[in-house]
mmCIF file of all heavy atoms, coordinates in Angstrom:
data_MODEL
# 
_entry.id   MODEL 
# 
loop_
_atom_site.group_PDB 
_atom_site.id 
_atom_site.type_symbol 
_atom_site.label_atom_id 
_atom_site.label_alt_id 
_atom_site.label_comp_id 
_atom_site.label_asym_id 
_atom_site.label_entity_id 
_atom_site.label_seq_id 
_atom_site.pdbx_PDB_ins_code 
_atom_site.Cartn_x 
_atom_site.Cartn_y 
_atom_site.Cartn_z 
_atom_site.occupancy 
_atom_site.B_iso_or_equiv 
_atom_site.pdbx_formal_charge 
_atom_site.auth_seq_id 
_atom_site.auth_comp_id 
_atom_site.auth_asym_id 
_atom_site.auth_atom_id 
_atom_site.pdbx_PDB_model_num 
ATOM 1   N N   . ARG A 1 1  ? -11.404 -2.602  -6.534  1.00 0.00 ? 1  ARG A N   1 
ATOM 2   C CA  . ARG A 1 1  ? -10.987 -3.675  -5.640  1.00 0.00 ? 1  ARG A CA  1 
ATOM 3   C C   . ARG A 1 1  ? -9.559  -3.378  -5.169  1.00 0.00 ? 1  ARG A C   1 
ATOM 4   O O   . ARG A 1 1  ? -8.655  -3.177  -5.986  1.00 0.00 ? 1  ARG A O   1 
ATOM 5   C CB  . ARG A 1 1  ? -11.038 -5.023  -6.368  1.00 0.00 ? 1  ARG A CB  1 
ATOM 6   C CG  . ARG A 1 1  ? -12.456 -5.501  -6.642  1.00 0.00 ? 1  ARG A CG  1 
ATOM 7   C CD  . ARG A 1 1  ? -13.122 -5.942  -5.328  1.00 0.00 ? 1  ARG A CD  1 
ATOM 8   N NE  . ARG A 1 1  ? -14.467 -6.421  -5.549  1.00 0.00 ? 1  ARG A NE  1 
ATOM 9   C CZ  . ARG A 1 1  ? -15.572 -5.694  -5.436  1.00 0.00 ? 1  ARG A CZ  1 
ATOM 10  N NH1 . ARG A 1 1  ? -15.468 -4.422  -5.113  1.00 0.00 ? 1  ARG A NH1 1 
ATOM 11  N NH2 . ARG A 1 1  ? -16.757 -6.214  -5.638  1.00 0.00 ? 1  ARG A NH2 1 
ATOM 12  N N   . HIS A 1 2  ? -9.395  -3.388  -3.847  1.00 0.00 ? 2  HIS A N   1 
ATOM 13  C CA  . HIS A 1 2  ? -8.085  -2.992  -3.316  1.00 0.00 ? 2  HIS A CA  1 
ATOM 14  C C   . HIS A 1 2  ? -7.905  -3.563  -1.915  1.00 0.00 ? 2  HIS A C   1 
ATOM 15  O O   . HIS A 1 2  ? -8.836  -3.572  -1.110  1.00 0.00 ? 2  HIS A O   1 
ATOM 16  C CB  . HIS A 1 2  ? -7.987  -1.462  -3.266  1.00 0.00 ? 2  HIS A CB  1 
ATOM 17  C CG  . HIS A 1 2  ? -6.775  -0.960  -2.553  1.00 0.00 ? 2  HIS A CG  1 
ATOM 18  N ND1 . HIS A 1 2  ? -6.787  -0.633  -1.201  1.00 0.00 ? 2  HIS A ND1 1 
ATOM 19  C CD2 . HIS A 1 2  ? -5.507  -0.758  -2.988  1.00 0.00 ? 2  HIS A CD2 1 
ATOM 20  C CE1 . HIS A 1 2  ? -5.585  -0.243  -0.850  1.00 0.00 ? 2  HIS A CE1 1 
ATOM 21  N NE2 . HIS A 1 2  ? -4.793  -0.297  -1.916  1.00 0.00 ? 2  HIS A NE2 1 
ATOM 22  N N   . ILE A 1 3  ? -6.696  -4.091  -1.641  1.00 0.00 ? 3  ILE A N   1 
ATOM 23  C CA  . ILE A 1 3  ? -6.341  -4.508  -0.281  1.00 0.00 ? 3  ILE A CA  1 
ATOM 24  C C   . ILE A 1 3  ? -4.919  -4.034  0.008   1.00 0.00 ? 3  ILE A C   1 
ATOM 25  O O   . ILE A 1 3  ? -4.113  -3.843  -0.922  1.00 0.00 ? 3  ILE A O   1 
ATOM 26  C CB  . ILE A 1 3  ? -6.438  -6.041  -0.080  1.00 0.00 ? 3  ILE A CB  1 
ATOM 27  C CG1 . ILE A 1 3  ? -5.369  -6.761  -0.927  1.00 0.00 ? 3  ILE A CG1 1 
ATOM 28  C CG2 . ILE A 1 3  ? -7.833  -6.562  -0.385  1.00 0.00 ? 3  ILE A CG2 1 
ATOM 29  C CD1 . ILE A 1 3  ? -5.207  -8.223  -0.556  1.00 0.00 ? 3  ILE A CD1 1 
ATOM 30  N N   . THR A 1 4  ? -4.635  -3.867  1.273   1.00 0.00 ? 4  THR A N   1 
ATOM 31  C CA  . THR A 1 4  ? -3.278  -3.519  1.716   1.00 0.00 ? 4  THR A CA  1 
ATOM 32  C C   . THR A 1 4  ? -2.911  -4.465  2.842   1.00 0.00 ? 4  THR A C   1 
ATOM 33  O O   . THR A 1 4  ? -3.667  -4.624  3.810   1.00 0.00 ? 4  THR A O   1 
ATOM 34  C CB  . THR A 1 4  ? -3.205  -2.068  2.193   1.00 0.00 ? 4  THR A CB  1 
ATOM 35  O OG1 . THR A 1 4  ? -3.610  -1.195  1.137   1.00 0.00 ? 4  THR A OG1 1 
ATOM 36  C CG2 . THR A 1 4  ? -1.783  -1.722  2.615   1.00 0.00 ? 4  THR A CG2 1 
ATOM 37  N N   . GLU A 1 5  ? -1.764  -5.112  2.696   1.00 0.00 ? 5  GLU A N   1 
ATOM 38  C CA  . GLU A 1 5  ? -1.292  -6.067  3.694   1.00 0.00 ? 5  GLU A CA  1 
ATOM 39  C C   . GLU A 1 5  ? 0.182   -5.789  3.982   1.00 0.00 ? 5  GLU A C   1 
ATOM 40  O O   . GLU A 1 5  ? 0.924   -5.301  3.128   1.00 0.00 ? 5  GLU A O   1 
ATOM 41  C CB  . GLU A 1 5  ? -1.430  -7.508  3.184   1.00 0.00 ? 5  GLU A CB  1 
ATOM 42  C CG  . GLU A 1 5  ? -2.854  -7.949  2.936   1.00 0.00 ? 5  GLU A CG  1 
ATOM 43  C CD  . GLU A 1 5  ? -3.578  -8.321  4.206   1.00 0.00 ? 5  GLU A CD  1 
ATOM 44  O OE1 . GLU A 1 5  ? -2.892  -8.630  5.212   1.00 0.00 ? 5  GLU A OE1 1 
ATOM 45  O OE2 . GLU A 1 5  ? -4.831  -8.284  4.201   1.00 0.00 ? 5  GLU A OE2 1 
ATOM 46  N N   . THR A 1 6  ? 0.604   -6.102  5.201   1.00 0.00 ? 6  THR A N   1 
ATOM 47  C CA  . THR A 1 6  ? 2.023   -6.076  5.553   1.00 0.00 ? 6  THR A CA  1 
ATOM 48  C C   . THR A 1 6  ? 2.449   -7.506  5.838   1.00 0.00 ? 6  THR A C   1 
ATOM 49  O O   . THR A 1 6  ? 1.885   -8.168  6.734   1.00 0.00 ? 6  THR A O   1 
ATOM 50  C CB  . THR A 1 6  ? 2.280   -5.197  6.784   1.00 0.00 ? 6  THR A CB  1 
ATOM 51  O OG1 . THR A 1 6  ? 1.810   -3.859  6.525   1.00 0.00 ? 6  THR A OG1 1 
ATOM 52  C CG2 . THR A 1 6  ? 3.769   -5.146  7.117   1.00 0.00 ? 6  THR A CG2 1 
ATOM 53  N N   . VAL A 1 7  ? 3.411   -7.986  5.052   1.00 0.00 ? 7  VAL A N   1 
ATOM 54  C CA  . VAL A 1 7  ? 3.801   -9.390  5.147   1.00 0.00 ? 7  VAL A CA  1 
ATOM 55  C C   . VAL A 1 7  ? 5.308   -9.489  5.310   1.00 0.00 ? 7  VAL A C   1 
ATOM 56  O O   . VAL A 1 7  ? 6.069   -8.549  5.037   1.00 0.00 ? 7  VAL A O   1 
ATOM 57  C CB  . VAL A 1 7  ? 3.349   -10.156 3.884   1.00 0.00 ? 7  VAL A CB  1 
ATOM 58  C CG1 . VAL A 1 7  ? 1.840   -10.123 3.751   1.00 0.00 ? 7  VAL A CG1 1 
ATOM 59  C CG2 . VAL A 1 7  ? 4.014   -9.581  2.647   1.00 0.00 ? 7  VAL A CG2 1 
ATOM 60  N N   . ASP A 1 8  ? 5.731   -10.676 5.732   1.00 0.00 ? 8  ASP A N   1 
ATOM 61  C CA  . ASP A 1 8  ? 7.165   -10.937 5.876   1.00 0.00 ? 8  ASP A CA  1 
ATOM 62  C C   . ASP A 1 8  ? 7.771   -11.155 4.504   1.00 0.00 ? 8  ASP A C   1 
ATOM 63  O O   . ASP A 1 8  ? 7.166   -11.767 3.611   1.00 0.00 ? 8  ASP A O   1 
ATOM 64  C CB  . ASP A 1 8  ? 7.401   -12.176 6.734   1.00 0.00 ? 8  ASP A CB  1 
ATOM 65  C CG  . ASP A 1 8  ? 6.943   -11.964 8.175   1.00 0.00 ? 8  ASP A CG  1 
ATOM 66  O OD1 . ASP A 1 8  ? 6.914   -10.802 8.608   1.00 0.00 ? 8  ASP A OD1 1 
ATOM 67  O OD2 . ASP A 1 8  ? 6.612   -12.969 8.843   1.00 0.00 ? 8  ASP A OD2 1 
ATOM 68  N N   . GLY A 1 9  ? 9.019   -10.678 4.337   1.00 0.00 ? 9  GLY A N   1 
ATOM 69  C CA  . GLY A 1 9  ? 9.723   -10.884 3.096   1.00 0.00 ? 9  GLY A CA  1 
ATOM 70  C C   . GLY A 1 9  ? 10.135  -9.597  2.439   1.00 0.00 ? 9  GLY A C   1 
ATOM 71  O O   . GLY A 1 9  ? 9.564   -8.537  2.686   1.00 0.00 ? 9  GLY A O   1 
ATOM 72  N N   . ALA A 1 10 ? 11.167  -9.698  1.583   1.00 0.00 ? 10 ALA A N   1 
ATOM 73  C CA  . ALA A 1 10 ? 11.671  -8.541  0.851   1.00 0.00 ? 10 ALA A CA  1 
ATOM 74  C C   . ALA A 1 10 ? 10.831  -8.315  -0.394  1.00 0.00 ? 10 ALA A C   1 
ATOM 75  O O   . ALA A 1 10 ? 10.237  -9.251  -0.945  1.00 0.00 ? 10 ALA A O   1 
ATOM 76  C CB  . ALA A 1 10 ? 13.133  -8.753  0.475   1.00 0.00 ? 10 ALA A CB  1 
ATOM 77  N N   . PRO A 1 11 ? 10.728  -7.077  -0.916  1.00 0.00 ? 11 PRO A N   1 
ATOM 78  C CA  . PRO A 1 11 ? 9.936   -6.792  -2.114  1.00 0.00 ? 11 PRO A CA  1 
ATOM 79  C C   . PRO A 1 11 ? 10.335  -7.653  -3.315  1.00 0.00 ? 11 PRO A C   1 
ATOM 80  O O   . PRO A 1 11 ? 9.467   -8.160  -4.028  1.00 0.00 ? 11 PRO A O   1 
ATOM 81  C CB  . PRO A 1 11 ? 10.191  -5.311  -2.364  1.00 0.00 ? 11 PRO A CB  1 
ATOM 82  C CG  . PRO A 1 11 ? 10.491  -4.753  -1.013  1.00 0.00 ? 11 PRO A CG  1 
ATOM 83  C CD  . PRO A 1 11 ? 11.251  -5.838  -0.295  1.00 0.00 ? 11 PRO A CD  1 
ATOM 84  N N   . ALA A 1 12 ? 11.638  -7.819  -3.566  1.00 0.00 ? 12 ALA A N   1 
ATOM 85  C CA  . ALA A 1 12 ? 12.077  -8.594  -4.726  1.00 0.00 ? 12 ALA A CA  1 
ATOM 86  C C   . ALA A 1 12 ? 11.643  -10.047 -4.600  1.00 0.00 ? 12 ALA A C   1 
ATOM 87  O O   . ALA A 1 12 ? 11.212  -10.685 -5.570  1.00 0.00 ? 12 ALA A O   1 
ATOM 88  C CB  . ALA A 1 12 ? 13.585  -8.498  -4.881  1.00 0.00 ? 12 ALA A CB  1 
ATOM 89  N N   . GLU A 1 13 ? 11.777  -10.580 -3.367  1.00 0.00 ? 13 GLU A N   1 
ATOM 90  C CA  . GLU A 1 13 ? 11.372  -11.979 -3.136  1.00 0.00 ? 13 GLU A CA  1 
ATOM 91  C C   . GLU A 1 13 ? 9.873   -12.151 -3.356  1.00 0.00 ? 13 GLU A C   1 
ATOM 92  O O   . GLU A 1 13 ? 9.421   -13.094 -4.005  1.00 0.00 ? 13 GLU A O   1 
ATOM 93  C CB  . GLU A 1 13 ? 11.761  -12.379 -1.708  1.00 0.00 ? 13 GLU A CB  1 
ATOM 94  C CG  . GLU A 1 13 ? 11.266  -13.759 -1.295  1.00 0.00 ? 13 GLU A CG  1 
ATOM 95  C CD  . GLU A 1 13 ? 11.444  -14.003 0.190   1.00 0.00 ? 13 GLU A CD  1 
ATOM 96  O OE1 . GLU A 1 13 ? 12.178  -13.226 0.851   1.00 0.00 ? 13 GLU A OE1 1 
ATOM 97  O OE2 . GLU A 1 13 ? 10.830  -14.964 0.692   1.00 0.00 ? 13 GLU A OE2 1 
ATOM 98  N N   . LEU A 1 14 ? 9.094   -11.229 -2.821  1.00 0.00 ? 14 LEU A N   1 
ATOM 99  C CA  . LEU A 1 14 ? 7.638   -11.313 -2.976  1.00 0.00 ? 14 LEU A CA  1 
ATOM 100 C C   . LEU A 1 14 ? 7.224   -11.093 -4.436  1.00 0.00 ? 14 LEU A C   1 
ATOM 101 O O   . LEU A 1 14 ? 6.250   -11.691 -4.909  1.00 0.00 ? 14 LEU A O   1 
ATOM 102 C CB  . LEU A 1 14 ? 6.953   -10.281 -2.072  1.00 0.00 ? 14 LEU A CB  1 
ATOM 103 C CG  . LEU A 1 14 ? 7.064   -10.542 -0.566  1.00 0.00 ? 14 LEU A CG  1 
ATOM 104 C CD1 . LEU A 1 14 ? 6.494   -9.370  0.225   1.00 0.00 ? 14 LEU A CD1 1 
ATOM 105 C CD2 . LEU A 1 14 ? 6.327   -11.835 -0.188  1.00 0.00 ? 14 LEU A CD2 1 
ATOM 106 N N   . ALA A 1 15 ? 7.940   -10.243 -5.163  1.00 0.00 ? 15 ALA A N   1 
ATOM 107 C CA  . ALA A 1 15 ? 7.621   -9.998  -6.576  1.00 0.00 ? 15 ALA A CA  1 
ATOM 108 C C   . ALA A 1 15 ? 7.787   -11.274 -7.384  1.00 0.00 ? 15 ALA A C   1 
ATOM 109 O O   . ALA A 1 15 ? 6.970   -11.585 -8.274  1.00 0.00 ? 15 ALA A O   1 
ATOM 110 C CB  . ALA A 1 15 ? 8.490   -8.884  -7.139  1.00 0.00 ? 15 ALA A CB  1 
ATOM 111 N N   . GLU A 1 16 ? 8.833   -12.033 -7.086  1.00 0.00 ? 16 GLU A N   1 
ATOM 112 C CA  . GLU A 1 16 ? 9.040   -13.296 -7.789  1.00 0.00 ? 16 GLU A CA  1 
ATOM 113 C C   . GLU A 1 16 ? 7.920   -14.281 -7.482  1.00 0.00 ? 16 GLU A C   1 
ATOM 114 O O   . GLU A 1 16 ? 7.439   -15.004 -8.358  1.00 0.00 ? 16 GLU A O   1 
ATOM 115 C CB  . GLU A 1 16 ? 10.392  -13.897 -7.387  1.00 0.00 ? 16 GLU A CB  1 
ATOM 116 C CG  . GLU A 1 16 ? 11.588  -13.123 -7.907  1.00 0.00 ? 16 GLU A CG  1 
ATOM 117 C CD  . GLU A 1 16 ? 12.904  -13.791 -7.530  1.00 0.00 ? 16 GLU A CD  1 
ATOM 118 O OE1 . GLU A 1 16 ? 12.844  -14.916 -6.956  1.00 0.00 ? 16 GLU A OE1 1 
ATOM 119 O OE2 . GLU A 1 16 ? 13.960  -13.218 -7.805  1.00 0.00 ? 16 GLU A OE2 1 
ATOM 120 N N   . ARG A 1 17 ? 7.499   -14.294 -6.194  1.00 0.00 ? 17 ARG A N   1 
ATOM 121 C CA  . ARG A 1 17 ? 6.433   -15.208 -5.794  1.00 0.00 ? 17 ARG A CA  1 
ATOM 122 C C   . ARG A 1 17 ? 5.113   -14.835 -6.500  1.00 0.00 ? 17 ARG A C   1 
ATOM 123 O O   . ARG A 1 17 ? 4.389   -15.682 -7.007  1.00 0.00 ? 17 ARG A O   1 
ATOM 124 C CB  . ARG A 1 17 ? 6.251   -15.161 -4.277  1.00 0.00 ? 17 ARG A CB  1 
ATOM 125 C CG  . ARG A 1 17 ? 5.239   -16.162 -3.751  1.00 0.00 ? 17 ARG A CG  1 
ATOM 126 C CD  . ARG A 1 17 ? 5.091   -15.998 -2.254  1.00 0.00 ? 17 ARG A CD  1 
ATOM 127 N NE  . ARG A 1 17 ? 6.379   -16.162 -1.575  1.00 0.00 ? 17 ARG A NE  1 
ATOM 128 C CZ  . ARG A 1 17 ? 6.579   -15.873 -0.299  1.00 0.00 ? 17 ARG A CZ  1 
ATOM 129 N NH1 . ARG A 1 17 ? 5.575   -15.373 0.420   1.00 0.00 ? 17 ARG A NH1 1 
ATOM 130 N NH2 . ARG A 1 17 ? 7.772   -16.054 0.252   1.00 0.00 ? 17 ARG A NH2 1 
ATOM 131 N N   . VAL A 1 18 ? 4.807   -13.531 -6.513  1.00 0.00 ? 18 VAL A N   1 
ATOM 132 C CA  . VAL A 1 18 ? 3.567   -13.065 -7.156  1.00 0.00 ? 18 VAL A CA  1 
ATOM 133 C C   . VAL A 1 18 ? 3.589   -13.372 -8.647  1.00 0.00 ? 18 VAL A C   1 
ATOM 134 O O   . VAL A 1 18 ? 2.603   -13.848 -9.228  1.00 0.00 ? 18 VAL A O   1 
ATOM 135 C CB  . VAL A 1 18 ? 3.372   -11.559 -6.909  1.00 0.00 ? 18 VAL A CB  1 
ATOM 136 C CG1 . VAL A 1 18 ? 2.276   -11.009 -7.826  1.00 0.00 ? 18 VAL A CG1 1 
ATOM 137 C CG2 . VAL A 1 18 ? 3.023   -11.297 -5.461  1.00 0.00 ? 18 VAL A CG2 1 
ATOM 138 N N   . THR A 1 19 ? 4.733   -13.116 -9.280  1.00 0.00 ? 19 THR A N   1 
ATOM 139 C CA  . THR A 1 19 ? 4.846   -13.371 -10.723 1.00 0.00 ? 19 THR A CA  1 
ATOM 140 C C   . THR A 1 19 ? 4.636   -14.850 -11.030 1.00 0.00 ? 19 THR A C   1 
ATOM 141 O O   . THR A 1 19 ? 3.973   -15.218 -12.014 1.00 0.00 ? 19 THR A O   1 
ATOM 142 C CB  . THR A 1 19 ? 6.215   -12.913 -11.237 1.00 0.00 ? 19 THR A CB  1 
ATOM 143 O OG1 . THR A 1 19 ? 6.383   -11.523 -10.951 1.00 0.00 ? 19 THR A OG1 1 
ATOM 144 C CG2 . THR A 1 19 ? 6.338   -13.131 -12.734 1.00 0.00 ? 19 THR A CG2 1 
ATOM 145 N N   . ALA A 1 20 ? 5.176   -15.723 -10.190 1.00 0.00 ? 20 ALA A N   1 
ATOM 146 C CA  . ALA A 1 20 ? 5.001   -17.163 -10.401 1.00 0.00 ? 20 ALA A CA  1 
ATOM 147 C C   . ALA A 1 20 ? 3.539   -17.572 -10.231 1.00 0.00 ? 20 ALA A C   1 
ATOM 148 O O   . ALA A 1 20 ? 3.047   -18.480 -10.914 1.00 0.00 ? 20 ALA A O   1 
ATOM 149 C CB  . ALA A 1 20 ? 5.888   -17.940 -9.437  1.00 0.00 ? 20 ALA A CB  1 
ATOM 150 N N   . ASN A 1 21 ? 2.844   -16.895 -9.311  1.00 0.00 ? 21 ASN A N   1 
ATOM 151 C CA  . ASN A 1 21 ? 1.441   -17.237 -9.085  1.00 0.00 ? 21 ASN A CA  1 
ATOM 152 C C   . ASN A 1 21 ? 0.505   -16.697 -10.167 1.00 0.00 ? 21 ASN A C   1 
ATOM 153 O O   . ASN A 1 21 ? -0.653  -17.098 -10.237 1.00 0.00 ? 21 ASN A O   1 
ATOM 154 C CB  . ASN A 1 21 ? 0.985   -16.708 -7.724  1.00 0.00 ? 21 ASN A CB  1 
ATOM 155 C CG  . ASN A 1 21 ? 1.617   -17.473 -6.573  1.00 0.00 ? 21 ASN A CG  1 
ATOM 156 O OD1 . ASN A 1 21 ? 2.031   -18.625 -6.740  1.00 0.00 ? 21 ASN A OD1 1 
ATOM 157 N ND2 . ASN A 1 21 ? 1.710   -16.851 -5.412  1.00 0.00 ? 21 ASN A ND2 1 
ATOM 158 N N   . LEU A 1 22 ? 0.986   -15.765 -10.983 1.00 0.00 ? 22 LEU A N   1 
ATOM 159 C CA  . LEU A 1 22 ? 0.159   -15.192 -12.062 1.00 0.00 ? 22 LEU A CA  1 
ATOM 160 C C   . LEU A 1 22 ? 0.373   -15.957 -13.364 1.00 0.00 ? 22 LEU A C   1 
ATOM 161 O O   . LEU A 1 22 ? 0.576   -15.360 -14.425 1.00 0.00 ? 22 LEU A O   1 
ATOM 162 C CB  . LEU A 1 22 ? 0.497   -13.705 -12.246 1.00 0.00 ? 22 LEU A CB  1 
ATOM 163 C CG  . LEU A 1 22 ? -0.035  -12.767 -11.159 1.00 0.00 ? 22 LEU A CG  1 
ATOM 164 C CD1 . LEU A 1 22 ? 0.571   -11.389 -11.319 1.00 0.00 ? 22 LEU A CD1 1 
ATOM 165 C CD2 . LEU A 1 22 ? -1.556  -12.691 -11.211 1.00 0.00 ? 22 LEU A CD2 1 
ATOM 166 N N   . ARG A 1 23 ? 0.326   -17.255 -13.278 1.00 0.00 ? 23 ARG A N   1 
ATOM 167 C CA  . ARG A 1 23 ? 0.492   -18.049 -14.499 1.00 0.00 ? 23 ARG A CA  1 
ATOM 168 C C   . ARG A 1 23 ? -0.707  -17.838 -15.425 1.00 0.00 ? 23 ARG A C   1 
ATOM 169 O O   . ARG A 1 23 ? -1.855  -17.831 -14.986 1.00 0.00 ? 23 ARG A O   1 
ATOM 170 C CB  . ARG A 1 23 ? 0.620   -19.535 -14.137 1.00 0.00 ? 23 ARG A CB  1 
ATOM 171 C CG  . ARG A 1 23 ? 1.886   -19.864 -13.369 1.00 0.00 ? 23 ARG A CG  1 
ATOM 172 C CD  . ARG A 1 23 ? 2.044   -21.373 -13.173 1.00 0.00 ? 23 ARG A CD  1 
ATOM 173 N NE  . ARG A 1 23 ? 0.958   -21.945 -12.375 1.00 0.00 ? 23 ARG A NE  1 
ATOM 174 C CZ  . ARG A 1 23 ? 0.955   -22.005 -11.062 1.00 0.00 ? 23 ARG A CZ  1 
ATOM 175 N NH1 . ARG A 1 23 ? 1.984   -21.504 -10.368 1.00 0.00 ? 23 ARG A NH1 1 
ATOM 176 N NH2 . ARG A 1 23 ? -0.057  -22.550 -10.399 1.00 0.00 ? 23 ARG A NH2 1 
ATOM 177 N N   . GLY A 1 24 ? -0.413  -17.688 -16.699 1.00 0.00 ? 24 GLY A N   1 
ATOM 178 C CA  . GLY A 1 24 ? -1.476  -17.446 -17.676 1.00 0.00 ? 24 GLY A CA  1 
ATOM 179 C C   . GLY A 1 24 ? -1.799  -15.978 -17.878 1.00 0.00 ? 24 GLY A C   1 
ATOM 180 O O   . GLY A 1 24 ? -2.651  -15.645 -18.710 1.00 0.00 ? 24 GLY A O   1 
ATOM 181 N N   . TRP A 1 25 ? -1.151  -15.088 -17.121 1.00 0.00 ? 25 TRP A N   1 
ATOM 182 C CA  . TRP A 1 25 ? -1.357  -13.653 -17.270 1.00 0.00 ? 25 TRP A CA  1 
ATOM 183 C C   . TRP A 1 25 ? -0.153  -13.045 -17.994 1.00 0.00 ? 25 TRP A C   1 
ATOM 184 O O   . TRP A 1 25 ? 0.968   -13.513 -17.840 1.00 0.00 ? 25 TRP A O   1 
ATOM 185 C CB  . TRP A 1 25 ? -1.485  -12.982 -15.900 1.00 0.00 ? 25 TRP A CB  1 
ATOM 186 C CG  . TRP A 1 25 ? -2.751  -13.341 -15.150 1.00 0.00 ? 25 TRP A CG  1 
ATOM 187 C CD1 . TRP A 1 25 ? -3.110  -14.556 -14.691 1.00 0.00 ? 25 TRP A CD1 1 
ATOM 188 C CD2 . TRP A 1 25 ? -3.783  -12.439 -14.791 1.00 0.00 ? 25 TRP A CD2 1 
ATOM 189 N NE1 . TRP A 1 25 ? -4.310  -14.491 -14.059 1.00 0.00 ? 25 TRP A NE1 1 
ATOM 190 C CE2 . TRP A 1 25 ? -4.763  -13.197 -14.089 1.00 0.00 ? 25 TRP A CE2 1 
ATOM 191 C CE3 . TRP A 1 25 ? -4.000  -11.067 -14.964 1.00 0.00 ? 25 TRP A CE3 1 
ATOM 192 C CZ2 . TRP A 1 25 ? -5.934  -12.630 -13.584 1.00 0.00 ? 25 TRP A CZ2 1 
ATOM 193 C CZ3 . TRP A 1 25 ? -5.152  -10.504 -14.455 1.00 0.00 ? 25 TRP A CZ3 1 
ATOM 194 C CH2 . TRP A 1 25 ? -6.112  -11.269 -13.778 1.00 0.00 ? 25 TRP A CH2 1 
ATOM 195 N N   . ARG A 1 26 ? -0.391  -12.006 -18.764 1.00 0.00 ? 26 ARG A N   1 
ATOM 196 C CA  . ARG A 1 26 ? 0.723   -11.215 -19.299 1.00 0.00 ? 26 ARG A CA  1 
ATOM 197 C C   . ARG A 1 26 ? 1.154   -10.273 -18.191 1.00 0.00 ? 26 ARG A C   1 
ATOM 198 O O   . ARG A 1 26 ? 0.360   -9.472  -17.696 1.00 0.00 ? 26 ARG A O   1 
ATOM 199 C CB  . ARG A 1 26 ? 0.285   -10.423 -20.537 1.00 0.00 ? 26 ARG A CB  1 
ATOM 200 C CG  . ARG A 1 26 ? -0.039  -11.307 -21.719 1.00 0.00 ? 26 ARG A CG  1 
ATOM 201 C CD  . ARG A 1 26 ? -0.430  -10.504 -22.951 1.00 0.00 ? 26 ARG A CD  1 
ATOM 202 N NE  . ARG A 1 26 ? 0.683   -9.702  -23.422 1.00 0.00 ? 26 ARG A NE  1 
ATOM 203 C CZ  . ARG A 1 26 ? 0.662   -8.376  -23.527 1.00 0.00 ? 26 ARG A CZ  1 
ATOM 204 N NH1 . ARG A 1 26 ? -0.401  -7.697  -23.168 1.00 0.00 ? 26 ARG A NH1 1 
ATOM 205 N NH2 . ARG A 1 26 ? 1.711   -7.721  -23.976 1.00 0.00 ? 26 ARG A NH2 1 
ATOM 206 N N   . ARG A 1 27 ? 2.434   -10.358 -17.808 1.00 0.00 ? 27 ARG A N   1 
ATOM 207 C CA  . ARG A 1 27 ? 2.872   -9.643  -16.618 1.00 0.00 ? 27 ARG A CA  1 
ATOM 208 C C   . ARG A 1 27 ? 4.260   -9.060  -16.844 1.00 0.00 ? 27 ARG A C   1 
ATOM 209 O O   . ARG A 1 27 ? 5.032   -9.530  -17.666 1.00 0.00 ? 27 ARG A O   1 
ATOM 210 C CB  . ARG A 1 27 ? 2.893   -10.590 -15.422 1.00 0.00 ? 27 ARG A CB  1 
ATOM 211 C CG  . ARG A 1 27 ? 3.738   -11.839 -15.639 1.00 0.00 ? 27 ARG A CG  1 
ATOM 212 C CD  . ARG A 1 27 ? 3.370   -12.943 -14.649 1.00 0.00 ? 27 ARG A CD  1 
ATOM 213 N NE  . ARG A 1 27 ? 4.247   -14.105 -14.766 1.00 0.00 ? 27 ARG A NE  1 
ATOM 214 C CZ  . ARG A 1 27 ? 4.063   -15.088 -15.644 1.00 0.00 ? 27 ARG A CZ  1 
ATOM 215 N NH1 . ARG A 1 27 ? 3.034   -15.056 -16.485 1.00 0.00 ? 27 ARG A NH1 1 
ATOM 216 N NH2 . ARG A 1 27 ? 4.904   -16.114 -15.690 1.00 0.00 ? 27 ARG A NH2 1 
# 
């Protein structure tokens, strides 16, 4: 399973957002 997207935002900002959305996961 794989997707590639180009989105607005800096990598660090998006990493924080992704980490917050992975609640309940070891990350």
